[in-house]
């Protein structure tokens, strides 16, 4: 795995803030962000996804809330530039 820093929440303090990295080998995004509160998790479970798919969150997964201004750091196929401090 070779992680590449993509971005961090703008004007963040020095500890605990949303951050996004790209795994250059798999193309996966690795995201540090806020845990969704119980109300958000319940609402996500009520809305569901596809018919017949469980709405339970397995122990090895979690639901995060990614601030909207972090979407700018998610790579798109047409993007040739990556990596930004967001400030």
PDB file of N, CA and C in Angstrom:
ATOM      1  N   UNK A   1       0.847  -1.172   0.000  1.00  0.00           N
ATOM      2  CA  UNK A   1       0.000   0.000   0.000  1.00  0.00           C
ATOM      3  C   UNK A   1       0.893   1.237   0.000  1.00  0.00           C
ATOM      4  N   UNK A   2       0.553   2.171  -0.881  1.00  0.00           N
ATOM      5  CA  UNK A   2       1.289   3.424  -0.956  1.00  0.00           C
ATOM      6  C   UNK A   2       0.291   4.567  -0.877  1.00  0.00           C
ATOM      7  N   UNK A   3       0.108   5.116   0.327  1.00  0.00           N
ATOM      8  CA  UNK A   3      -0.864   6.183   0.494  1.00  0.00           C
ATOM      9  C   UNK A   3      -0.308   7.523   0.030  1.00  0.00           C
ATOM     10  N   UNK A   4      -1.182   8.285  -0.611  1.00  0.00           N
ATOM     11  CA  UNK A   4      -0.841   9.623  -1.066  1.00  0.00           C
ATOM     12  C   UNK A   4      -1.835  10.590  -0.422  1.00  0.00           C
ATOM     13  N   UNK A   5      -1.336  11.584   0.268  1.00  0.00           N
ATOM     14  CA  UNK A   5      -2.183  12.581   0.911  1.00  0.00           C
ATOM     15  C   UNK A   5      -2.937  13.372  -0.147  1.00  0.00           C
ATOM     16  N   UNK A   6      -4.261  13.524   0.036  1.00  0.00           N
ATOM     17  CA  UNK A   6      -5.071  14.305  -0.895  1.00  0.00           C
ATOM     18  C   UNK A   6      -5.521  15.634  -0.309  1.00  0.00           C
ATOM     19  N   UNK A   7      -5.954  15.621   0.965  1.00  0.00           N
ATOM     20  CA  UNK A   7      -6.418  16.879   1.530  1.00  0.00           C
ATOM     21  C   UNK A   7      -6.826  16.742   2.974  1.00  0.00           C
ATOM     22  N   UNK A   8      -6.888  17.886   3.637  1.00  0.00           N
ATOM     23  CA  UNK A   8      -7.292  17.944   5.039  1.00  0.00           C
ATOM     24  C   UNK A   8      -8.298  19.079   5.187  1.00  0.00           C
ATOM     25  N   UNK A   9      -9.172  18.966   6.172  1.00  0.00           N
ATOM     26  CA  UNK A   9     -10.196  19.981   6.418  1.00  0.00           C
ATOM     27  C   UNK A   9      -9.531  21.343   6.526  1.00  0.00           C
ATOM     28  N   UNK A  10      -9.963  22.322   5.729  1.00  0.00           N
ATOM     29  CA  UNK A  10      -9.318  23.634   5.739  1.00  0.00           C
ATOM     30  C   UNK A  10      -9.315  24.293   7.125  1.00  0.00           C
ATOM     31  N   UNK A  11      -8.244  24.984   7.409  1.00  0.00           N
ATOM     32  CA  UNK A  11      -8.073  25.732   8.659  1.00  0.00           C
ATOM     33  C   UNK A  11      -8.279  24.861   9.895  1.00  0.00           C
ATOM     34  N   UNK A  12      -7.800  23.649   9.823  1.00  0.00           N
ATOM     35  CA  UNK A  12      -7.987  22.692  10.902  1.00  0.00           C
ATOM     36  C   UNK A  12      -7.022  22.931  12.051  1.00  0.00           C
ATOM     37  N   UNK A  13      -7.445  22.578  13.267  1.00  0.00           N
ATOM     38  CA  UNK A  13      -6.473  22.599  14.365  1.00  0.00           C
ATOM     39  C   UNK A  13      -5.468  21.449  14.180  1.00  0.00           C
ATOM     40  N   UNK A  14      -4.540  21.337  15.101  1.00  0.00           N
ATOM     41  CA  UNK A  14      -3.470  20.348  14.950  1.00  0.00           C
ATOM     42  C   UNK A  14      -3.877  18.908  15.236  1.00  0.00           C
ATOM     43  N   UNK A  15      -5.041  18.693  15.824  1.00  0.00           N
ATOM     44  CA  UNK A  15      -5.405  17.319  16.158  1.00  0.00           C
ATOM     45  C   UNK A  15      -6.814  16.985  15.686  1.00  0.00           C
ATOM     46  N   UNK A  16      -6.995  15.750  15.216  1.00  0.00           N
ATOM     47  CA  UNK A  16      -8.279  15.202  14.861  1.00  0.00           C
ATOM     48  C   UNK A  16      -9.093  16.017  13.882  1.00  0.00           C
ATOM     49  N   UNK A  17      -8.901  15.797  12.614  1.00  0.00           N
ATOM     50  CA  UNK A  17      -9.689  16.496  11.613  1.00  0.00           C
ATOM     51  C   UNK A  17      -9.850  15.614  10.382  1.00  0.00           C
ATOM     52  N   UNK A  18     -10.936  15.830   9.619  1.00  0.00           N
ATOM     53  CA  UNK A  18     -11.123  15.024   8.410  1.00  0.00           C
ATOM     54  C   UNK A  18      -9.923  15.132   7.468  1.00  0.00           C
ATOM     55  N   UNK A  19      -9.474  13.983   7.014  1.00  0.00           N
ATOM     56  CA  UNK A  19      -8.327  13.883   6.120  1.00  0.00           C
ATOM     57  C   UNK A  19      -8.611  12.784   5.112  1.00  0.00           C
ATOM     58  N   UNK A  20      -8.116  12.950   3.884  1.00  0.00           N
ATOM     59  CA  UNK A  20      -8.318  11.947   2.840  1.00  0.00           C
ATOM     60  C   UNK A  20      -6.976  11.595   2.217  1.00  0.00           C
ATOM     61  N   UNK A  21      -6.764  10.282   2.024  1.00  0.00           N
ATOM     62  CA  UNK A  21      -5.595   9.750   1.327  1.00  0.00           C
ATOM     63  C   UNK A  21      -6.069   8.840   0.197  1.00  0.00           C
ATOM     64  N   UNK A  22      -5.224   8.629  -0.793  1.00  0.00           N
ATOM     65  CA  UNK A  22      -5.486   7.714  -1.896  1.00  0.00           C
ATOM     66  C   UNK A  22      -4.475   6.588  -1.839  1.00  0.00           C
ATOM     67  N   UNK A  23      -4.950   5.346  -1.918  1.00  0.00           N
ATOM     68  CA  UNK A  23      -4.054   4.198  -2.030  1.00  0.00           C
ATOM     69  C   UNK A  23      -3.689   4.083  -3.504  1.00  0.00           C
ATOM     70  N   UNK A  24      -2.449   4.405  -3.834  1.00  0.00           N
ATOM     71  CA  UNK A  24      -2.004   4.396  -5.230  1.00  0.00           C
ATOM     72  C   UNK A  24      -2.028   3.001  -5.854  1.00  0.00           C
ATOM     73  N   UNK A  25      -2.017   1.977  -5.049  1.00  0.00           N
ATOM     74  CA  UNK A  25      -2.010   0.611  -5.576  1.00  0.00           C
ATOM     75  C   UNK A  25      -3.421   0.164  -5.957  1.00  0.00           C
ATOM     76  N   UNK A  26      -4.385   0.392  -5.063  1.00  0.00           N
ATOM     77  CA  UNK A  26      -5.744  -0.108  -5.293  1.00  0.00           C
ATOM     78  C   UNK A  26      -6.710   0.959  -5.810  1.00  0.00           C
ATOM     79  N   UNK A  27      -6.364   2.229  -5.629  1.00  0.00           N
ATOM     80  CA  UNK A  27      -7.283   3.308  -5.984  1.00  0.00           C
ATOM     81  C   UNK A  27      -8.299   3.600  -4.889  1.00  0.00           C
ATOM     82  N   UNK A  28      -8.213   2.874  -3.762  1.00  0.00           N
ATOM     83  CA  UNK A  28      -9.136   3.095  -2.650  1.00  0.00           C
ATOM     84  C   UNK A  28      -8.869   4.443  -1.986  1.00  0.00           C
ATOM     85  N   UNK A  29      -9.938   5.025  -1.434  1.00  0.00           N
ATOM     86  CA  UNK A  29      -9.789   6.213  -0.609  1.00  0.00           C
ATOM     87  C   UNK A  29      -9.734   5.784   0.844  1.00  0.00           C
ATOM     88  N   UNK A  30      -8.858   6.372   1.614  1.00  0.00           N
ATOM     89  CA  UNK A  30      -8.765   6.151   3.050  1.00  0.00           C
ATOM     90  C   UNK A  30      -9.182   7.476   3.679  1.00  0.00           C
ATOM     91  N   UNK A  31     -10.236   7.422   4.506  1.00  0.00           N
ATOM     92  CA  UNK A  31     -10.829   8.649   5.024  1.00  0.00           C
ATOM     93  C   UNK A  31     -10.864   8.637   6.547  1.00  0.00           C
ATOM     94  N   UNK A  32     -10.339   9.693   7.136  1.00  0.00           N
ATOM     95  CA  UNK A  32     -10.511   9.943   8.566  1.00  0.00           C
ATOM     96  C   UNK A  32     -11.555  11.047   8.662  1.00  0.00           C
ATOM     97  N   UNK A  33     -12.618  10.799   9.400  1.00  0.00           N
ATOM     98  CA  UNK A  33     -13.640  11.822   9.549  1.00  0.00           C
ATOM     99  C   UNK A  33     -14.422  11.577  10.817  1.00  0.00           C
ATOM    100  N   UNK A  34     -15.484  12.337  10.993  1.00  0.00           N
ATOM    101  CA  UNK A  34     -16.302  12.247  12.187  1.00  0.00           C
ATOM    102  C   UNK A  34     -17.191  11.022  12.145  1.00  0.00           C
ATOM    103  N   UNK A  35     -17.305  10.310  13.265  1.00  0.00           N
ATOM    104  CA  UNK A  35     -18.273   9.226  13.352  1.00  0.00           C
ATOM    105  C   UNK A  35     -19.661   9.834  13.269  1.00  0.00           C
ATOM    106  N   UNK A  36     -20.527   9.195  12.514  1.00  0.00           N
ATOM    107  CA  UNK A  36     -21.905   9.658  12.444  1.00  0.00           C
ATOM    108  C   UNK A  36     -22.578   9.397  13.792  1.00  0.00           C
ATOM    109  N   UNK A  37     -23.449  10.305  14.208  1.00  0.00           N
ATOM    110  CA  UNK A  37     -24.155  10.094  15.470  1.00  0.00           C
ATOM    111  C   UNK A  37     -25.242   9.035  15.271  1.00  0.00           C
ATOM    112  N   UNK A  38     -25.791   8.558  16.375  1.00  0.00           N
ATOM    113  CA  UNK A  38     -26.782   7.475  16.323  1.00  0.00           C
ATOM    114  C   UNK A  38     -27.990   7.834  15.476  1.00  0.00           C
ATOM    115  N   UNK A  39     -28.429   9.091  15.538  1.00  0.00           N
ATOM    116  CA  UNK A  39     -29.584   9.507  14.744  1.00  0.00           C
ATOM    117  C   UNK A  39     -29.295   9.375  13.252  1.00  0.00           C
ATOM    118  N   UNK A  40     -28.082   9.730  12.835  1.00  0.00           N
ATOM    119  CA  UNK A  40     -27.698   9.615  11.427  1.00  0.00           C
ATOM    120  C   UNK A  40     -27.634   8.157  11.004  1.00  0.00           C
ATOM    121  N   UNK A  41     -27.051   7.319  11.856  1.00  0.00           N
ATOM    122  CA  UNK A  41     -26.963   5.884  11.542  1.00  0.00           C
ATOM    123  C   UNK A  41     -28.367   5.300  11.403  1.00  0.00           C
ATOM    124  N   UNK A  42     -29.262   5.631  12.330  1.00  0.00           N
ATOM    125  CA  UNK A  42     -30.642   5.130  12.261  1.00  0.00           C
ATOM    126  C   UNK A  42     -31.331   5.590  10.978  1.00  0.00           C
ATOM    127  N   UNK A  43     -31.144   6.852  10.636  1.00  0.00           N
ATOM    128  CA  UNK A  43     -31.767   7.358   9.409  1.00  0.00           C
ATOM    129  C   UNK A  43     -31.222   6.648   8.179  1.00  0.00           C
ATOM    130  N   UNK A  44     -29.906   6.419   8.141  1.00  0.00           N
ATOM    131  CA  UNK A  44     -29.312   5.686   7.023  1.00  0.00           C
ATOM    132  C   UNK A  44     -29.891   4.273   6.936  1.00  0.00           C
ATOM    133  N   UNK A  45     -30.101   3.649   8.083  1.00  0.00           N
ATOM    134  CA  UNK A  45     -30.683   2.307   8.102  1.00  0.00           C
ATOM    135  C   UNK A  45     -32.128   2.339   7.617  1.00  0.00           C
ATOM    136  N   UNK A  46     -32.879   3.382   7.982  1.00  0.00           N
ATOM    137  CA  UNK A  46     -34.262   3.501   7.531  1.00  0.00           C
ATOM    138  C   UNK A  46     -34.351   3.728   6.030  1.00  0.00           C
ATOM    139  N   UNK A  47     -33.464   4.557   5.498  1.00  0.00           N
ATOM    140  CA  UNK A  47     -33.457   4.838   4.065  1.00  0.00           C
ATOM    141  C   UNK A  47     -33.002   3.598   3.293  1.00  0.00           C
ATOM    142  N   UNK A  48     -32.007   2.883   3.826  1.00  0.00           N
ATOM    143  CA  UNK A  48     -31.506   1.682   3.173  1.00  0.00           C
ATOM    144  C   UNK A  48     -30.705   1.985   1.919  1.00  0.00           C
ATOM    145  N   UNK A  49     -30.457   0.947   1.128  1.00  0.00           N
ATOM    146  CA  UNK A  49     -29.683   1.134  -0.098  1.00  0.00           C
ATOM    147  C   UNK A  49     -30.366   0.417  -1.253  1.00  0.00           C
ATOM    148  N   UNK A  50     -30.149  -0.876  -1.374  1.00  0.00           N
ATOM    149  CA  UNK A  50     -30.791  -1.646  -2.437  1.00  0.00           C
ATOM    150  C   UNK A  50     -31.706  -2.682  -1.806  1.00  0.00           C
ATOM    151  N   UNK A  51     -32.796  -3.025  -2.491  1.00  0.00           N
ATOM    152  CA  UNK A  51     -33.739  -3.998  -1.927  1.00  0.00           C
ATOM    153  C   UNK A  51     -33.040  -5.295  -1.516  1.00  0.00           C
ATOM    154  N   UNK A  52     -33.372  -5.762  -0.323  1.00  0.00           N
ATOM    155  CA  UNK A  52     -32.831  -7.021   0.163  1.00  0.00           C
ATOM    156  C   UNK A  52     -31.484  -6.937   0.841  1.00  0.00           C
ATOM    157  N   UNK A  53     -30.837  -5.774   0.799  1.00  0.00           N
ATOM    158  CA  UNK A  53     -29.523  -5.622   1.429  1.00  0.00           C
ATOM    159  C   UNK A  53     -29.715  -5.233   2.889  1.00  0.00           C
ATOM    160  N   UNK A  54     -28.976  -5.859   3.764  1.00  0.00           N
ATOM    161  CA  UNK A  54     -29.068  -5.570   5.190  1.00  0.00           C
ATOM    162  C   UNK A  54     -28.718  -4.114   5.475  1.00  0.00           C
ATOM    163  N   UNK A  55     -29.402  -3.530   6.447  1.00  0.00           N
ATOM    164  CA  UNK A  55     -29.073  -2.162   6.862  1.00  0.00           C
ATOM    165  C   UNK A  55     -28.220  -2.152   8.127  1.00  0.00           C
ATOM    166  N   UNK A  56     -27.861  -3.342   8.625  1.00  0.00           N
ATOM    167  CA  UNK A  56     -26.979  -3.411   9.790  1.00  0.00           C
ATOM    168  C   UNK A  56     -25.574  -2.971   9.399  1.00  0.00           C
ATOM    169  N   UNK A  57     -24.872  -2.354  10.328  1.00  0.00           N
ATOM    170  CA  UNK A  57     -23.486  -1.965  10.105  1.00  0.00           C
ATOM    171  C   UNK A  57     -22.610  -3.023  10.775  1.00  0.00           C
ATOM    172  N   UNK A  58     -21.860  -3.815   9.989  1.00  0.00           N
ATOM    173  CA  UNK A  58     -21.030  -4.858  10.576  1.00  0.00           C
ATOM    174  C   UNK A  58     -19.972  -4.282  11.516  1.00  0.00           C
ATOM    175  N   UNK A  59     -19.488  -5.101  12.416  1.00  0.00           N
ATOM    176  CA  UNK A  59     -18.484  -4.669  13.390  1.00  0.00           C
ATOM    177  C   UNK A  59     -17.211  -4.130  12.737  1.00  0.00           C
ATOM    178  N   UNK A  60     -16.882  -4.617  11.547  1.00  0.00           N
ATOM    179  CA  UNK A  60     -15.648  -4.175  10.895  1.00  0.00           C
ATOM    180  C   UNK A  60     -15.861  -2.918  10.030  1.00  0.00           C
ATOM    181  N   UNK A  61     -17.065  -2.331  10.077  1.00  0.00           N
ATOM    182  CA  UNK A  61     -17.358  -1.109   9.339  1.00  0.00           C
ATOM    183  C   UNK A  61     -17.906  -0.051  10.284  1.00  0.00           C
ATOM    184  N   UNK A  62     -17.978   1.188   9.812  1.00  0.00           N
ATOM    185  CA  UNK A  62     -18.598   2.268  10.579  1.00  0.00           C
ATOM    186  C   UNK A  62     -19.240   3.223   9.601  1.00  0.00           C
ATOM    187  N   UNK A  63     -20.039   4.127  10.096  1.00  0.00           N
ATOM    188  CA  UNK A  63     -20.634   5.176   9.279  1.00  0.00           C
ATOM    189  C   UNK A  63     -19.940   6.474   9.670  1.00  0.00           C
ATOM    190  N   UNK A  64     -19.398   7.168   8.671  1.00  0.00           N
ATOM    191  CA  UNK A  64     -18.735   8.440   8.941  1.00  0.00           C
ATOM    192  C   UNK A  64     -19.526   9.570   8.298  1.00  0.00           C
ATOM    193  N   UNK A  65     -19.324  10.767   8.803  1.00  0.00           N
ATOM    194  CA  UNK A  65     -19.908  11.957   8.183  1.00  0.00           C
ATOM    195  C   UNK A  65     -18.743  12.765   7.633  1.00  0.00           C
ATOM    196  N   UNK A  66     -18.723  12.924   6.307  1.00  0.00           N
ATOM    197  CA  UNK A  66     -17.672  13.677   5.639  1.00  0.00           C
ATOM    198  C   UNK A  66     -18.195  15.080   5.341  1.00  0.00           C
ATOM    199  N   UNK A  67     -17.562  16.114   5.877  1.00  0.00           N
ATOM    200  CA  UNK A  67     -18.026  17.474   5.610  1.00  0.00           C
ATOM    201  C   UNK A  67     -18.034  17.763   4.099  1.00  0.00           C
ATOM    202  N   UNK A  68     -19.036  18.505   3.649  1.00  0.00           N
ATOM    203  CA  UNK A  68     -19.210  18.777   2.221  1.00  0.00           C
ATOM    204  C   UNK A  68     -17.976  19.415   1.587  1.00  0.00           C
ATOM    205  N   UNK A  69     -17.266  20.266   2.338  1.00  0.00           N
ATOM    206  CA  UNK A  69     -16.104  20.916   1.725  1.00  0.00           C
ATOM    207  C   UNK A  69     -14.941  19.953   1.505  1.00  0.00           C
ATOM    208  N   UNK A  70     -15.046  18.728   2.004  1.00  0.00           N
ATOM    209  CA  UNK A  70     -13.998  17.729   1.760  1.00  0.00           C
ATOM    210  C   UNK A  70     -14.181  17.035   0.411  1.00  0.00           C
ATOM    211  N   UNK A  71     -15.356  17.184  -0.208  1.00  0.00           N
ATOM    212  CA  UNK A  71     -15.611  16.543  -1.508  1.00  0.00           C
ATOM    213  C   UNK A  71     -14.636  17.037  -2.571  1.00  0.00           C
ATOM    214  N   UNK A  72     -14.112  18.239  -2.408  1.00  0.00           N
ATOM    215  CA  UNK A  72     -13.165  18.782  -3.381  1.00  0.00           C
ATOM    216  C   UNK A  72     -11.898  17.935  -3.504  1.00  0.00           C
ATOM    217  N   UNK A  73     -11.600  17.136  -2.487  1.00  0.00           N
ATOM    218  CA  UNK A  73     -10.373  16.348  -2.493  1.00  0.00           C
ATOM    219  C   UNK A  73     -10.563  14.941  -3.069  1.00  0.00           C
ATOM    220  N   UNK A  74     -11.799  14.559  -3.353  1.00  0.00           N
ATOM    221  CA  UNK A  74     -12.045  13.221  -3.887  1.00  0.00           C
ATOM    222  C   UNK A  74     -11.693  13.232  -5.369  1.00  0.00           C
ATOM    223  N   UNK A  75     -10.764  12.379  -5.787  1.00  0.00           N
ATOM    224  CA  UNK A  75     -10.318  12.389  -7.177  1.00  0.00           C
ATOM    225  C   UNK A  75     -11.428  11.947  -8.126  1.00  0.00           C
ATOM    226  N   UNK A  76     -11.436  12.551  -9.297  1.00  0.00           N
ATOM    227  CA  UNK A  76     -12.352  12.192 -10.361  1.00  0.00           C
ATOM    228  C   UNK A  76     -11.518  11.753 -11.549  1.00  0.00           C
ATOM    229  N   UNK A  77     -12.067  10.921 -12.422  1.00  0.00           N
ATOM    230  CA  UNK A  77     -11.265  10.399 -13.545  1.00  0.00           C
ATOM    231  C   UNK A  77     -10.581  11.480 -14.373  1.00  0.00           C
ATOM    232  N   UNK A  78     -11.207  12.649 -14.524  1.00  0.00           N
ATOM    233  CA  UNK A  78     -10.612  13.706 -15.338  1.00  0.00           C
ATOM    234  C   UNK A  78      -9.528  14.485 -14.611  1.00  0.00           C
ATOM    235  N   UNK A  79      -9.372  14.246 -13.294  1.00  0.00           N
ATOM    236  CA  UNK A  79      -8.363  14.968 -12.511  1.00  0.00           C
ATOM    237  C   UNK A  79      -6.974  14.397 -12.758  1.00  0.00           C
ATOM    238  N   UNK A  80      -6.042  15.277 -13.032  1.00  0.00           N
ATOM    239  CA  UNK A  80      -4.651  14.869 -13.173  1.00  0.00           C
ATOM    240  C   UNK A  80      -3.812  15.357 -12.010  1.00  0.00           C
ATOM    241  N   UNK A  81      -4.404  16.248 -11.172  1.00  0.00           N
ATOM    242  CA  UNK A  81      -3.665  16.773 -10.035  1.00  0.00           C
ATOM    243  C   UNK A  81      -4.306  16.276  -8.767  1.00  0.00           C
ATOM    244  N   UNK A  82      -3.483  15.916  -7.808  1.00  0.00           N
ATOM    245  CA  UNK A  82      -3.961  15.459  -6.510  1.00  0.00           C
ATOM    246  C   UNK A  82      -3.059  16.021  -5.441  1.00  0.00           C
ATOM    247  N   UNK A  83      -3.620  16.155  -4.257  1.00  0.00           N
ATOM    248  CA  UNK A  83      -2.830  16.629  -3.130  1.00  0.00           C
ATOM    249  C   UNK A  83      -3.019  18.108  -2.932  1.00  0.00           C
ATOM    250  N   UNK A  84      -3.550  18.467  -1.774  1.00  0.00           N
ATOM    251  CA  UNK A  84      -3.832  19.860  -1.488  1.00  0.00           C
ATOM    252  C   UNK A  84      -4.010  20.001   0.005  1.00  0.00           C
ATOM    253  N   UNK A  85      -3.552  21.073   0.537  1.00  0.00           N
ATOM    254  CA  UNK A  85      -3.715  21.293   1.972  1.00  0.00           C
ATOM    255  C   UNK A  85      -5.091  21.840   2.305  1.00  0.00           C
ATOM    256  N   UNK A  86      -5.834  22.300   1.290  1.00  0.00           N
ATOM    257  CA  UNK A  86      -7.172  22.817   1.521  1.00  0.00           C
ATOM    258  C   UNK A  86      -7.200  24.200   2.122  1.00  0.00           C
ATOM    259  N   UNK A  87      -6.070  24.798   2.310  1.00  0.00           N
ATOM    260  CA  UNK A  87      -6.071  26.149   2.904  1.00  0.00           C
ATOM    261  C   UNK A  87      -5.939  27.207   1.848  1.00  0.00           C
TER     262      UNK A  87
END
